[in-house]
Amino acid sequence: MKTLKLITGIALMGIFSLTSCQSEVDEVQGDNPNTNTSNSTTANNLKQVSMYDGSSDDFIDGSSCSSIVFPFVAKVNGIQINFISQLNYEQAITILGALNNDTDSVVLQFPLKIKMSDYTEVTVNSQSEYNAIVNDCNQAENAGKAAISSLNINYPITILTFDASLQQTGSVVITTEKQLFTYVSNMNSSEYFSIKYPITVTLTGESAQQVNSDAELKASVNAAIDIEAKIDEAIENKKKLETILVNGTFKVNSYINAGVDSANNYLNTTIDFANDWKVKSMSTLTTIATGTYSVTSDVDVFLQFGFTGSTNFSLFNNTWKVTSFTASTITLQSKTNSAVTLVLKQI
């Protein structure tokens, strides 16, 4: 049995990176891009960013290095689901997300097939075999060797090939991530290559940008790694915030809109978050507003309200960026208007 908490996230695409090149081909990175080889930093980066990204079903399989091939069967919190396509993911997410402070479980039915980071498919016959694959993935992630998925490249791109005297011998048009991974993986040690620039890449959450050199691409890859670290941190903060919300009762410490603090409108009222995503406000033991809430994350954590029954609390019906939080104070900023802020304080 795998035990995990539901991770709400974005299924991100894998991409491409280049670094500097070699003047002494075997070891020394230099300024000539034509000297990239199969054992160069550039080639290793290209393989890492073009690996198959298996993160779309992490809430089921707990492994970002692989994904389970349809069809398969699993029990999700005791409910059996026949996974025929990604549409069944919604059913699983609903079950796993029904409560935010329970222990979720996914029990896979074996044998099943999984798609690995090198795009091959393997049959797994038992939980112990599967655990070994997950452990290998965790080790790759800890070593910084897992897929880089926060940078997308706009295909096609062209790889230029060279001989030992650095004379161009040909070119290869790459149209997909899989093709790029396969090409670099099958490259022999006597081949030299470079990328024909410019190319266009897109970092998660940003607009497309033109890349004109190995150095610029390396910078984009480093930025993608930073983004992925922020995504991981946001996932952990999301879990922490959910626990704080459910375990506490809050009051409105401040609500500032257009420079005016309207906290006085919420005197003697409390906000209580339930573990089934329901929220209510009370005043002297009388419920004055009810609704729902949700906590999501990308590179930041967001809290969203859906109050009904009170004009004052309906003003909070917004998507709020969580700018900071502790066990006692949660500071929020409107996602659409940074001048609107809300501070909740635990009582």
C-alpha atoms as a PDB file:
ATOM      1  CA  MET A   1       0.000   0.000   0.000  1.00  0.00           C
ATOM      2  CA  LYS A   2       1.202   3.458  -0.765  1.00  0.00           C
ATOM      3  CA  THR A   3       0.110   6.136   1.691  1.00  0.00           C
ATOM      4  CA  LEU A   4       0.230   9.712   0.503  1.00  0.00           C
ATOM      5  CA  LYS A   5      -1.495  13.043   0.746  1.00  0.00           C
ATOM      6  CA  LEU A   6      -3.219  14.478  -2.277  1.00  0.00           C
ATOM      7  CA  ILE A   7      -0.955  16.841  -4.155  1.00  0.00           C
ATOM      8  CA  THR A   8      -2.851  19.414  -6.191  1.00  0.00           C
ATOM      9  CA  GLY A   9      -0.653  20.644  -8.796  1.00  0.00           C
ATOM     10  CA  ILE A  10      -0.127  21.360 -12.259  1.00  0.00           C
ATOM     11  CA  ALA A  11       0.964  18.598 -14.671  1.00  0.00           C
ATOM     12  CA  LEU A  12       4.023  20.138 -16.165  1.00  0.00           C
ATOM     13  CA  MET A  13       5.742  19.351 -19.510  1.00  0.00           C
ATOM     14  CA  GLY A  14       9.463  18.321 -19.793  1.00  0.00           C
ATOM     15  CA  ILE A  15      11.981  20.347 -21.893  1.00  0.00           C
ATOM     16  CA  PHE A  16      15.415  21.137 -23.035  1.00  0.00           C
ATOM     17  CA  SER A  17      18.613  22.681 -21.881  1.00  0.00           C
ATOM     18  CA  LEU A  18      22.110  23.452 -23.032  1.00  0.00           C
ATOM     19  CA  THR A  19      25.150  24.608 -21.158  1.00  0.00           C
ATOM     20  CA  SER A  20      28.602  25.599 -22.292  1.00  0.00           C
ATOM     21  CA  CYS A  21      30.810  23.428 -24.434  1.00  0.00           C
ATOM     22  CA  GLN A  22      34.219  21.797 -24.558  1.00  0.00           C
ATOM     23  CA  SER A  23      37.535  22.960 -26.016  1.00  0.00           C
ATOM     24  CA  GLU A  24      39.256  19.847 -24.712  1.00  0.00           C
ATOM     25  CA  VAL A  25      36.487  17.500 -25.653  1.00  0.00           C
ATOM     26  CA  ASP A  26      36.687  14.984 -22.815  1.00  0.00           C
ATOM     27  CA  GLU A  27      36.729  17.300 -19.814  1.00  0.00           C
ATOM     28  CA  VAL A  28      37.223  21.032 -20.242  1.00  0.00           C
ATOM     29  CA  GLN A  29      34.219  23.210 -21.014  1.00  0.00           C
ATOM     30  CA  GLY A  30      35.129  26.039 -23.388  1.00  0.00           C
ATOM     31  CA  ASP A  31      33.625  28.512 -25.803  1.00  0.00           C
ATOM     32  CA  ASN A  32      33.160  26.401 -28.928  1.00  0.00           C
ATOM     33  CA  PRO A  33      29.660  24.864 -29.049  1.00  0.00           C
ATOM     34  CA  ASN A  34      30.710  22.478 -31.827  1.00  0.00           C
ATOM     35  CA  THR A  35      32.649  20.409 -29.289  1.00  0.00           C
ATOM     36  CA  ASN A  36      29.657  19.139 -27.307  1.00  0.00           C
ATOM     37  CA  THR A  37      29.901  15.349 -27.028  1.00  0.00           C
ATOM     38  CA  SER A  38      27.852  12.486 -25.613  1.00  0.00           C
ATOM     39  CA  ASN A  39      29.598  12.769 -22.230  1.00  0.00           C
ATOM     40  CA  SER A  40      29.552  16.563 -22.040  1.00  0.00           C
ATOM     41  CA  THR A  41      27.565  18.629 -19.590  1.00  0.00           C
ATOM     42  CA  THR A  42      25.407  19.801 -22.475  1.00  0.00           C
ATOM     43  CA  ALA A  43      24.480  16.260 -23.492  1.00  0.00           C
ATOM     44  CA  ASN A  44      23.666  15.276 -19.902  1.00  0.00           C
ATOM     45  CA  ASN A  45      21.459  18.336 -19.519  1.00  0.00           C
ATOM     46  CA  LEU A  46      19.690  17.592 -22.784  1.00  0.00           C
ATOM     47  CA  LYS A  47      18.912  14.071 -21.612  1.00  0.00           C
ATOM     48  CA  GLN A  48      17.635  15.289 -18.258  1.00  0.00           C
ATOM     49  CA  VAL A  49      15.311  17.915 -19.692  1.00  0.00           C
ATOM     50  CA  SER A  50      13.940  15.643 -22.416  1.00  0.00           C
ATOM     51  CA  MET A  51      13.182  12.690 -20.130  1.00  0.00           C
ATOM     52  CA  TYR A  52       9.619  11.467 -19.970  1.00  0.00           C
ATOM     53  CA  ASP A  53       7.788  13.460 -17.299  1.00  0.00           C
ATOM     54  CA  GLY A  54       5.725  11.103 -15.166  1.00  0.00           C
ATOM     55  CA  SER A  55       4.398  13.693 -12.726  1.00  0.00           C
ATOM     56  CA  SER A  56       0.819  13.826 -14.037  1.00  0.00           C
ATOM     57  CA  ASP A  57      -0.280  10.871 -11.870  1.00  0.00           C
ATOM     58  CA  ASP A  58       1.894  11.469  -8.797  1.00  0.00           C
ATOM     59  CA  PHE A  59      -1.194  11.499  -6.572  1.00  0.00           C
ATOM     60  CA  ILE A  60      -1.735   7.875  -7.626  1.00  0.00           C
ATOM     61  CA  ASP A  61       1.730   6.377  -8.014  1.00  0.00           C
ATOM     62  CA  GLY A  62       3.953   8.645  -5.907  1.00  0.00           C
ATOM     63  CA  SER A  63       6.669   8.727  -8.576  1.00  0.00           C
ATOM     64  CA  SER A  64       7.515  11.648 -10.868  1.00  0.00           C
ATOM     65  CA  CYS A  65       9.935   9.473 -12.886  1.00  0.00           C
ATOM     66  CA  SER A  66       7.241   7.212 -14.314  1.00  0.00           C
ATOM     67  CA  SER A  67       3.523   6.927 -14.901  1.00  0.00           C
ATOM     68  CA  ILE A  68       1.126   3.992 -14.920  1.00  0.00           C
ATOM     69  CA  VAL A  69      -0.055   2.916 -18.369  1.00  0.00           C
ATOM     70  CA  PHE A  70      -3.821   2.662 -18.922  1.00  0.00           C
ATOM     71  CA  PRO A  71      -5.787   0.571 -18.212  1.00  0.00           C
ATOM     72  CA  PHE A  72      -5.071  -0.291 -14.583  1.00  0.00           C
ATOM     73  CA  VAL A  73      -7.015  -0.867 -11.370  1.00  0.00           C
ATOM     74  CA  ALA A  74      -6.465   0.695  -7.958  1.00  0.00           C
ATOM     75  CA  LYS A  75      -8.328   1.120  -4.696  1.00  0.00           C
ATOM     76  CA  VAL A  76      -8.404   4.790  -3.684  1.00  0.00           C
ATOM     77  CA  ASN A  77      -9.300   5.175   0.002  1.00  0.00           C
ATOM     78  CA  GLY A  78     -10.943   1.763  -0.267  1.00  0.00           C
ATOM     79  CA  ILE A  79     -12.937   2.546  -3.431  1.00  0.00           C
ATOM     80  CA  GLN A  80     -11.981   0.516  -6.506  1.00  0.00           C
ATOM     81  CA  ILE A  81     -11.495   2.509  -9.690  1.00  0.00           C
ATOM     82  CA  ASN A  82     -10.872   1.137 -13.171  1.00  0.00           C
ATOM     83  CA  PHE A  83      -8.541   3.694 -14.717  1.00  0.00           C
ATOM     84  CA  ILE A  84      -9.244   3.740 -18.443  1.00  0.00           C
ATOM     85  CA  SER A  85      -8.057   7.280 -19.204  1.00  0.00           C
ATOM     86  CA  GLN A  86      -7.082  10.520 -17.507  1.00  0.00           C
ATOM     87  CA  LEU A  87     -10.795  11.250 -17.014  1.00  0.00           C
ATOM     88  CA  ASN A  88     -10.703   8.760 -14.135  1.00  0.00           C
ATOM     89  CA  TYR A  89      -8.119  10.948 -12.411  1.00  0.00           C
ATOM     90  CA  GLU A  90     -10.910  13.392 -11.540  1.00  0.00           C
ATOM     91  CA  GLN A  91     -12.774  10.665  -9.659  1.00  0.00           C
ATOM     92  CA  ALA A  92      -9.637   9.763  -7.724  1.00  0.00           C
ATOM     93  CA  ILE A  93      -8.848  13.405  -6.929  1.00  0.00           C
ATOM     94  CA  THR A  94     -12.387  13.896  -5.596  1.00  0.00           C
ATOM     95  CA  ILE A  95     -12.037  10.888  -3.299  1.00  0.00           C
ATOM     96  CA  LEU A  96      -8.562  11.827  -2.074  1.00  0.00           C
ATOM     97  CA  GLY A  97      -9.557  15.456  -1.558  1.00  0.00           C
ATOM     98  CA  ALA A  98     -12.804  14.878   0.324  1.00  0.00           C
ATOM     99  CA  LEU A  99     -11.048  15.619   3.618  1.00  0.00           C
ATOM    100  CA  ASN A 100      -7.848  17.563   4.092  1.00  0.00           C
ATOM    101  CA  ASN A 101      -6.569  16.058   7.344  1.00  0.00           C
ATOM    102  CA  ASP A 102      -7.008  12.345   6.742  1.00  0.00           C
ATOM    103  CA  THR A 103      -4.500   9.699   5.646  1.00  0.00           C
ATOM    104  CA  ASP A 104      -5.094   8.828   2.011  1.00  0.00           C
ATOM    105  CA  SER A 105      -4.263   5.424   0.579  1.00  0.00           C
ATOM    106  CA  VAL A 106      -3.832   4.076  -2.934  1.00  0.00           C
ATOM    107  CA  VAL A 107      -3.525   0.307  -3.399  1.00  0.00           C
ATOM    108  CA  LEU A 108      -2.409  -0.710  -6.876  1.00  0.00           C
ATOM    109  CA  GLN A 109      -3.544  -3.969  -8.481  1.00  0.00           C
ATOM    110  CA  PHE A 110      -0.675  -5.921 -10.052  1.00  0.00           C
ATOM    111  CA  PRO A 111       0.546  -6.736 -12.626  1.00  0.00           C
ATOM    112  CA  LEU A 112       0.577  -3.358 -14.350  1.00  0.00           C
ATOM    113  CA  LYS A 113       2.708  -1.489 -16.863  1.00  0.00           C
ATOM    114  CA  ILE A 114       4.565   1.727 -16.228  1.00  0.00           C
ATOM    115  CA  LYS A 115       6.201   4.163 -18.609  1.00  0.00           C
ATOM    116  CA  MET A 116       9.727   4.975 -17.488  1.00  0.00           C
ATOM    117  CA  SER A 117      11.729   8.190 -17.802  1.00  0.00           C
ATOM    118  CA  ASP A 118      13.461   6.795 -20.917  1.00  0.00           C
ATOM    119  CA  TYR A 119      10.044   6.253 -22.579  1.00  0.00           C
ATOM    120  CA  THR A 120      10.214   2.457 -22.324  1.00  0.00           C
ATOM    121  CA  GLU A 121       7.350   0.460 -20.823  1.00  0.00           C
ATOM    122  CA  VAL A 122       7.956  -2.273 -18.254  1.00  0.00           C
ATOM    123  CA  THR A 123       5.644  -4.723 -16.512  1.00  0.00           C
ATOM    124  CA  VAL A 124       5.616  -4.617 -12.700  1.00  0.00           C
ATOM    125  CA  ASN A 125       4.341  -7.741 -10.977  1.00  0.00           C
ATOM    126  CA  SER A 126       4.294  -6.817  -7.294  1.00  0.00           C
ATOM    127  CA  GLN A 127       4.318  -3.993  -4.784  1.00  0.00           C
ATOM    128  CA  SER A 128       7.924  -4.795  -3.847  1.00  0.00           C
ATOM    129  CA  GLU A 129       9.005  -4.416  -7.475  1.00  0.00           C
ATOM    130  CA  TYR A 130       7.125  -1.144  -7.659  1.00  0.00           C
ATOM    131  CA  ASN A 131       8.644   0.124  -4.408  1.00  0.00           C
ATOM    132  CA  ALA A 132      12.117  -0.466  -5.848  1.00  0.00           C
ATOM    133  CA  ILE A 133      11.258   1.708  -8.858  1.00  0.00           C
ATOM    134  CA  VAL A 134       9.923   4.469  -6.610  1.00  0.00           C
ATOM    135  CA  ASN A 135      13.063   4.300  -4.466  1.00  0.00           C
ATOM    136  CA  ASP A 136      15.239   4.649  -7.565  1.00  0.00           C
ATOM    137  CA  CYS A 137      13.220   7.706  -8.537  1.00  0.00           C
ATOM    138  CA  ASN A 138      13.670   9.256  -5.095  1.00  0.00           C
ATOM    139  CA  GLN A 139      17.412   8.719  -5.326  1.00  0.00           C
ATOM    140  CA  ALA A 140      17.509  10.346  -8.773  1.00  0.00           C
ATOM    141  CA  GLU A 141      15.567  13.338  -7.466  1.00  0.00           C
ATOM    142  CA  ASN A 142      17.846  13.684  -4.439  1.00  0.00           C
ATOM    143  CA  ALA A 143      20.871  13.570  -6.745  1.00  0.00           C
ATOM    144  CA  GLY A 144      19.382  16.227  -9.045  1.00  0.00           C
ATOM    145  CA  LYS A 145      19.067  13.771 -11.936  1.00  0.00           C
ATOM    146  CA  ALA A 146      15.304  13.671 -12.383  1.00  0.00           C
ATOM    147  CA  ALA A 147      13.489  15.265 -15.317  1.00  0.00           C
ATOM    148  CA  ILE A 148      13.480  19.066 -15.510  1.00  0.00           C
ATOM    149  CA  SER A 149       9.900  19.916 -16.395  1.00  0.00           C
ATOM    150  CA  SER A 150       9.465  23.648 -15.808  1.00  0.00           C
ATOM    151  CA  LEU A 151      10.925  24.707 -19.146  1.00  0.00           C
ATOM    152  CA  ASN A 152       9.201  24.021 -22.462  1.00  0.00           C
ATOM    153  CA  ILE A 153      10.952  24.250 -25.783  1.00  0.00           C
ATOM    154  CA  ASN A 154       9.136  25.168 -28.956  1.00  0.00           C
ATOM    155  CA  TYR A 155       9.878  22.445 -31.482  1.00  0.00           C
ATOM    156  CA  PRO A 156      11.221  21.892 -34.049  1.00  0.00           C
ATOM    157  CA  ILE A 157      14.857  22.616 -33.284  1.00  0.00           C
ATOM    158  CA  THR A 158      17.930  21.679 -35.304  1.00  0.00           C
ATOM    159  CA  ILE A 159      21.047  19.914 -34.045  1.00  0.00           C
ATOM    160  CA  LEU A 160      24.183  20.465 -36.121  1.00  0.00           C
ATOM    161  CA  THR A 161      26.735  17.640 -36.270  1.00  0.00           C
ATOM    162  CA  PHE A 162      30.522  17.913 -36.668  1.00  0.00           C
ATOM    163  CA  ASP A 163      33.514  15.666 -37.232  1.00  0.00           C
ATOM    164  CA  ALA A 164      36.709  15.508 -35.165  1.00  0.00           C
ATOM    165  CA  SER A 165      38.151  18.486 -37.063  1.00  0.00           C
ATOM    166  CA  LEU A 166      34.999  20.461 -36.167  1.00  0.00           C
ATOM    167  CA  GLN A 167      33.754  20.574 -39.740  1.00  0.00           C
ATOM    168  CA  GLN A 168      29.988  20.379 -40.063  1.00  0.00           C
ATOM    169  CA  THR A 169      28.853  16.996 -41.335  1.00  0.00           C
ATOM    170  CA  GLY A 170      25.093  17.400 -41.239  1.00  0.00           C
ATOM    171  CA  SER A 171      22.021  18.401 -39.283  1.00  0.00           C
ATOM    172  CA  VAL A 172      19.108  16.709 -37.525  1.00  0.00           C
ATOM    173  CA  VAL A 173      15.665  18.244 -37.069  1.00  0.00           C
ATOM    174  CA  ILE A 174      14.187  17.396 -33.659  1.00  0.00           C
ATOM    175  CA  THR A 175      10.396  17.665 -33.375  1.00  0.00           C
ATOM    176  CA  THR A 176       9.583  16.087 -29.978  1.00  0.00           C
ATOM    177  CA  GLU A 177      11.036  15.569 -26.517  1.00  0.00           C
ATOM    178  CA  LYS A 178      11.165  11.831 -27.046  1.00  0.00           C
ATOM    179  CA  GLN A 179      13.112  12.297 -30.261  1.00  0.00           C
ATOM    180  CA  LEU A 180      15.589  14.582 -28.492  1.00  0.00           C
ATOM    181  CA  PHE A 181      16.078  12.125 -25.627  1.00  0.00           C
ATOM    182  CA  THR A 182      16.562   9.206 -27.995  1.00  0.00           C
ATOM    183  CA  TYR A 183      18.997  11.113 -30.187  1.00  0.00           C
ATOM    184  CA  VAL A 184      21.214  12.232 -27.316  1.00  0.00           C
ATOM    185  CA  SER A 185      21.038   8.842 -25.566  1.00  0.00           C
ATOM    186  CA  ASN A 186      22.180   7.052 -28.717  1.00  0.00           C
ATOM    187  CA  MET A 187      24.987   9.464 -29.534  1.00  0.00           C
ATOM    188  CA  ASN A 188      28.453   7.871 -29.529  1.00  0.00           C
ATOM    189  CA  SER A 189      31.565   9.341 -27.950  1.00  0.00           C
ATOM    190  CA  SER A 190      33.132  10.340 -31.286  1.00  0.00           C
ATOM    191  CA  GLU A 191      30.262  12.616 -32.330  1.00  0.00           C
ATOM    192  CA  TYR A 192      30.242  16.379 -31.841  1.00  0.00           C
ATOM    193  CA  PHE A 193      27.187  18.601 -31.950  1.00  0.00           C
ATOM    194  CA  SER A 194      25.717  22.040 -31.341  1.00  0.00           C
ATOM    195  CA  ILE A 195      22.258  23.580 -31.354  1.00  0.00           C
ATOM    196  CA  LYS A 196      21.232  25.883 -34.166  1.00  0.00           C
ATOM    197  CA  TYR A 197      20.102  29.104 -32.494  1.00  0.00           C
ATOM    198  CA  PRO A 198      17.897  30.978 -31.914  1.00  0.00           C
ATOM    199  CA  ILE A 199      15.308  28.748 -30.280  1.00  0.00           C
ATOM    200  CA  THR A 200      12.252  29.667 -28.205  1.00  0.00           C
ATOM    201  CA  VAL A 201      11.599  28.378 -24.698  1.00  0.00           C
ATOM    202  CA  THR A 202       8.933  29.038 -22.072  1.00  0.00           C
ATOM    203  CA  LEU A 203       9.440  28.885 -18.326  1.00  0.00           C
ATOM    204  CA  THR A 204       6.451  27.864 -16.209  1.00  0.00           C
ATOM    205  CA  GLY A 205       4.397  30.950 -15.400  1.00  0.00           C
ATOM    206  CA  GLU A 206       6.268  33.189 -17.844  1.00  0.00           C
ATOM    207  CA  SER A 207       5.971  34.226 -21.477  1.00  0.00           C
ATOM    208  CA  ALA A 208       8.020  32.722 -24.293  1.00  0.00           C
ATOM    209  CA  GLN A 209      11.578  33.960 -24.649  1.00  0.00           C
ATOM    210  CA  GLN A 210      14.211  33.674 -27.343  1.00  0.00           C
ATOM    211  CA  VAL A 211      17.445  31.879 -26.499  1.00  0.00           C
ATOM    212  CA  ASN A 212      20.501  32.669 -28.588  1.00  0.00           C
ATOM    213  CA  SER A 213      23.342  30.648 -27.077  1.00  0.00           C
ATOM    214  CA  ASP A 214      24.312  27.774 -24.818  1.00  0.00           C
ATOM    215  CA  ALA A 215      24.949  30.257 -22.022  1.00  0.00           C
ATOM    216  CA  GLU A 216      21.453  31.742 -22.310  1.00  0.00           C
ATOM    217  CA  LEU A 217      19.903  28.299 -22.365  1.00  0.00           C
ATOM    218  CA  LYS A 218      21.890  27.270 -19.309  1.00  0.00           C
ATOM    219  CA  ALA A 219      20.522  30.332 -17.520  1.00  0.00           C
ATOM    220  CA  SER A 220      16.983  29.313 -18.493  1.00  0.00           C
ATOM    221  CA  VAL A 221      17.563  25.793 -17.192  1.00  0.00           C
ATOM    222  CA  ASN A 222      18.862  27.153 -13.883  1.00  0.00           C
ATOM    223  CA  ALA A 223      15.763  29.330 -13.656  1.00  0.00           C
ATOM    224  CA  ALA A 224      13.597  26.239 -14.290  1.00  0.00           C
ATOM    225  CA  ILE A 225      15.340  24.372 -11.477  1.00  0.00           C
ATOM    226  CA  ASP A 226      14.649  27.313  -9.151  1.00  0.00           C
ATOM    227  CA  ILE A 227      10.975  27.278 -10.173  1.00  0.00           C
ATOM    228  CA  GLU A 228      10.693  23.568  -9.432  1.00  0.00           C
ATOM    229  CA  ALA A 229      12.201  24.113  -6.002  1.00  0.00           C
ATOM    230  CA  LYS A 230       9.586  26.806  -5.351  1.00  0.00           C
ATOM    231  CA  ILE A 231       6.814  24.471  -6.527  1.00  0.00           C
ATOM    232  CA  ASP A 232       7.993  21.770  -4.112  1.00  0.00           C
ATOM    233  CA  GLU A 233       8.172  24.300  -1.281  1.00  0.00           C
ATOM    234  CA  ALA A 234       4.678  25.585  -2.102  1.00  0.00           C
ATOM    235  CA  ILE A 235       3.278  22.042  -1.977  1.00  0.00           C
ATOM    236  CA  GLU A 236       4.695  21.577   1.521  1.00  0.00           C
ATOM    237  CA  ASN A 237       3.426  24.997   2.646  1.00  0.00           C
ATOM    238  CA  LYS A 238      -0.012  24.161   1.273  1.00  0.00           C
ATOM    239  CA  LYS A 239      -0.191  21.077   3.501  1.00  0.00           C
ATOM    240  CA  LYS A 240       0.990  23.063   6.532  1.00  0.00           C
ATOM    241  CA  LEU A 241      -1.576  25.806   5.902  1.00  0.00           C
ATOM    242  CA  GLU A 242      -4.436  23.307   5.560  1.00  0.00           C
ATOM    243  CA  THR A 243      -3.556  21.862   8.968  1.00  0.00           C
ATOM    244  CA  ILE A 244      -3.410  25.308  10.565  1.00  0.00           C
ATOM    245  CA  LEU A 245      -6.785  26.275   9.105  1.00  0.00           C
ATOM    246  CA  VAL A 246      -8.575  23.135  10.291  1.00  0.00           C
ATOM    247  CA  ASN A 247      -7.037  23.194  13.743  1.00  0.00           C
ATOM    248  CA  GLY A 248      -7.839  26.839  14.486  1.00  0.00           C
ATOM    249  CA  THR A 249     -10.580  29.427  14.695  1.00  0.00           C
ATOM    250  CA  PHE A 250      -9.832  32.847  13.237  1.00  0.00           C
ATOM    251  CA  LYS A 251     -10.886  36.463  13.382  1.00  0.00           C
ATOM    252  CA  VAL A 252     -10.396  39.232  10.826  1.00  0.00           C
ATOM    253  CA  ASN A 253      -7.412  41.219  12.026  1.00  0.00           C
ATOM    254  CA  SER A 254      -7.453  43.580   9.034  1.00  0.00           C
ATOM    255  CA  TYR A 255      -9.142  43.913   5.661  1.00  0.00           C
ATOM    256  CA  ILE A 256      -7.676  46.717   3.569  1.00  0.00           C
ATOM    257  CA  ASN A 257      -9.238  47.806   0.282  1.00  0.00           C
ATOM    258  CA  ALA A 258      -8.376  51.124  -1.402  1.00  0.00           C
ATOM    259  CA  GLY A 259      -6.347  52.064   1.663  1.00  0.00           C
ATOM    260  CA  VAL A 260      -9.277  51.634   4.052  1.00  0.00           C
ATOM    261  CA  ASP A 261      -9.205  49.046   6.831  1.00  0.00           C
ATOM    262  CA  SER A 262     -12.690  47.596   7.353  1.00  0.00           C
ATOM    263  CA  ALA A 263     -11.801  45.215  10.187  1.00  0.00           C
ATOM    264  CA  ASN A 264     -14.418  46.881  12.407  1.00  0.00           C
ATOM    265  CA  ASN A 265     -17.125  45.315  10.220  1.00  0.00           C
ATOM    266  CA  TYR A 266     -16.016  41.927  11.526  1.00  0.00           C
ATOM    267  CA  LEU A 267     -15.797  42.578  15.262  1.00  0.00           C
ATOM    268  CA  ASN A 268     -17.059  39.722  17.432  1.00  0.00           C
ATOM    269  CA  THR A 269     -17.173  37.345  14.443  1.00  0.00           C
ATOM    270  CA  THR A 270     -15.105  34.222  13.850  1.00  0.00           C
ATOM    271  CA  ILE A 271     -14.163  32.128  10.832  1.00  0.00           C
ATOM    272  CA  ASP A 272     -14.035  28.378  11.230  1.00  0.00           C
ATOM    273  CA  PHE A 273     -12.553  26.019   8.613  1.00  0.00           C
ATOM    274  CA  ALA A 274     -13.784  22.399   8.524  1.00  0.00           C
ATOM    275  CA  ASN A 275     -11.788  19.510   7.121  1.00  0.00           C
ATOM    276  CA  ASP A 276     -14.377  18.916   4.375  1.00  0.00           C
ATOM    277  CA  TRP A 277     -13.626  22.301   2.739  1.00  0.00           C
ATOM    278  CA  LYS A 278     -16.595  24.027   4.363  1.00  0.00           C
ATOM    279  CA  VAL A 279     -16.183  27.388   6.060  1.00  0.00           C
ATOM    280  CA  LYS A 280     -18.543  29.376   8.262  1.00  0.00           C
ATOM    281  CA  SER A 281     -18.579  32.624  10.165  1.00  0.00           C
ATOM    282  CA  MET A 282     -20.237  32.998  13.504  1.00  0.00           C
ATOM    283  CA  SER A 283     -21.198  35.828  15.827  1.00  0.00           C
ATOM    284  CA  THR A 284     -22.196  35.030  19.417  1.00  0.00           C
ATOM    285  CA  LEU A 285     -22.918  31.383  18.507  1.00  0.00           C
ATOM    286  CA  THR A 286     -25.048  32.384  15.502  1.00  0.00           C
ATOM    287  CA  THR A 287     -23.953  31.401  12.012  1.00  0.00           C
ATOM    288  CA  ILE A 288     -23.987  34.493   9.804  1.00  0.00           C
ATOM    289  CA  ALA A 289     -22.220  33.176   6.691  1.00  0.00           C
ATOM    290  CA  THR A 290     -21.370  29.786   5.226  1.00  0.00           C
ATOM    291  CA  GLY A 291     -19.496  28.620   2.199  1.00  0.00           C
ATOM    292  CA  THR A 292     -16.516  26.709   0.905  1.00  0.00           C
ATOM    293  CA  TYR A 293     -12.802  27.253   0.698  1.00  0.00           C
ATOM    294  CA  SER A 294      -9.899  25.710  -1.181  1.00  0.00           C
ATOM    295  CA  VAL A 295      -6.123  25.739  -0.913  1.00  0.00           C
ATOM    296  CA  THR A 296      -4.052  25.388  -4.060  1.00  0.00           C
ATOM    297  CA  SER A 297      -0.452  25.936  -5.061  1.00  0.00           C
ATOM    298  CA  ASP A 298       1.895  26.493  -7.961  1.00  0.00           C
ATOM    299  CA  VAL A 299       5.008  28.491  -7.095  1.00  0.00           C
ATOM    300  CA  ASP A 300       2.868  30.205  -4.422  1.00  0.00           C
ATOM    301  CA  VAL A 301       0.041  29.082  -2.143  1.00  0.00           C
ATOM    302  CA  PHE A 302      -3.496  30.401  -2.694  1.00  0.00           C
ATOM    303  CA  LEU A 303      -6.590  30.440  -0.485  1.00  0.00           C
ATOM    304  CA  GLN A 304      -9.998  30.912  -2.100  1.00  0.00           C
ATOM    305  CA  PHE A 305     -13.332  31.637  -0.391  1.00  0.00           C
ATOM    306  CA  GLY A 306     -16.919  31.141  -1.520  1.00  0.00           C
ATOM    307  CA  PHE A 307     -19.063  32.771   1.192  1.00  0.00           C
ATOM    308  CA  THR A 308     -22.847  33.188   1.032  1.00  0.00           C
ATOM    309  CA  GLY A 309     -25.305  34.723   3.482  1.00  0.00           C
ATOM    310  CA  SER A 310     -23.403  37.881   4.383  1.00  0.00           C
ATOM    311  CA  THR A 311     -22.464  40.874   2.263  1.00  0.00           C
ATOM    312  CA  ASN A 312     -19.432  41.600   4.428  1.00  0.00           C
ATOM    313  CA  PHE A 313     -18.035  38.080   4.143  1.00  0.00           C
ATOM    314  CA  SER A 314     -18.915  37.829   0.456  1.00  0.00           C
ATOM    315  CA  LEU A 315     -16.306  40.563  -0.032  1.00  0.00           C
ATOM    316  CA  PHE A 316     -13.753  37.874   0.725  1.00  0.00           C
ATOM    317  CA  ASN A 317     -14.853  35.796  -2.277  1.00  0.00           C
ATOM    318  CA  ASN A 318     -11.564  36.077  -4.033  1.00  0.00           C
ATOM    319  CA  THR A 319      -8.428  34.115  -4.779  1.00  0.00           C
ATOM    320  CA  TRP A 320      -5.877  35.199  -2.204  1.00  0.00           C
ATOM    321  CA  LYS A 321      -2.137  34.733  -2.456  1.00  0.00           C
ATOM    322  CA  VAL A 322      -0.744  33.600   0.893  1.00  0.00           C
ATOM    323  CA  THR A 323       2.131  36.032   1.368  1.00  0.00           C
ATOM    324  CA  SER A 324       3.044  34.666   4.810  1.00  0.00           C
ATOM    325  CA  PHE A 325       1.639  32.449   7.527  1.00  0.00           C
ATOM    326  CA  THR A 326       2.371  31.123  10.978  1.00  0.00           C
ATOM    327  CA  ALA A 327       0.357  29.032  13.394  1.00  0.00           C
ATOM    328  CA  SER A 328      -1.306  32.252  14.581  1.00  0.00           C
ATOM    329  CA  THR A 329      -1.413  34.692  11.640  1.00  0.00           C
ATOM    330  CA  ILE A 330      -2.220  34.309   7.934  1.00  0.00           C
ATOM    331  CA  THR A 331      -1.534  37.245   5.627  1.00  0.00           C
ATOM    332  CA  LEU A 332      -3.309  37.284   2.269  1.00  0.00           C
ATOM    333  CA  GLN A 333      -3.129  39.463  -0.828  1.00  0.00           C
ATOM    334  CA  SER A 334      -5.668  39.550  -3.645  1.00  0.00           C
ATOM    335  CA  LYS A 335      -4.332  37.694  -6.678  1.00  0.00           C
ATOM    336  CA  THR A 336      -5.850  40.307  -8.991  1.00  0.00           C
ATOM    337  CA  ASN A 337      -5.274  43.476  -6.927  1.00  0.00           C
ATOM    338  CA  SER A 338      -2.197  43.643  -4.697  1.00  0.00           C
ATOM    339  CA  ALA A 339      -3.639  46.677  -2.885  1.00  0.00           C
ATOM    340  CA  VAL A 340      -6.341  44.469  -1.318  1.00  0.00           C
ATOM    341  CA  THR A 341      -5.096  42.538   1.707  1.00  0.00           C
ATOM    342  CA  LEU A 342      -6.634  40.391   4.408  1.00  0.00           C
ATOM    343  CA  VAL A 343      -5.056  39.255   7.675  1.00  0.00           C
ATOM    344  CA  LEU A 344      -6.587  36.428   9.690  1.00  0.00           C
ATOM    345  CA  LYS A 345      -5.499  35.912  13.289  1.00  0.00           C
ATOM    346  CA  GLN A 346      -6.112  32.772  15.314  1.00  0.00           C
ATOM    347  CA  ILE A 347      -8.026  33.259  18.559  1.00  0.00           C
END
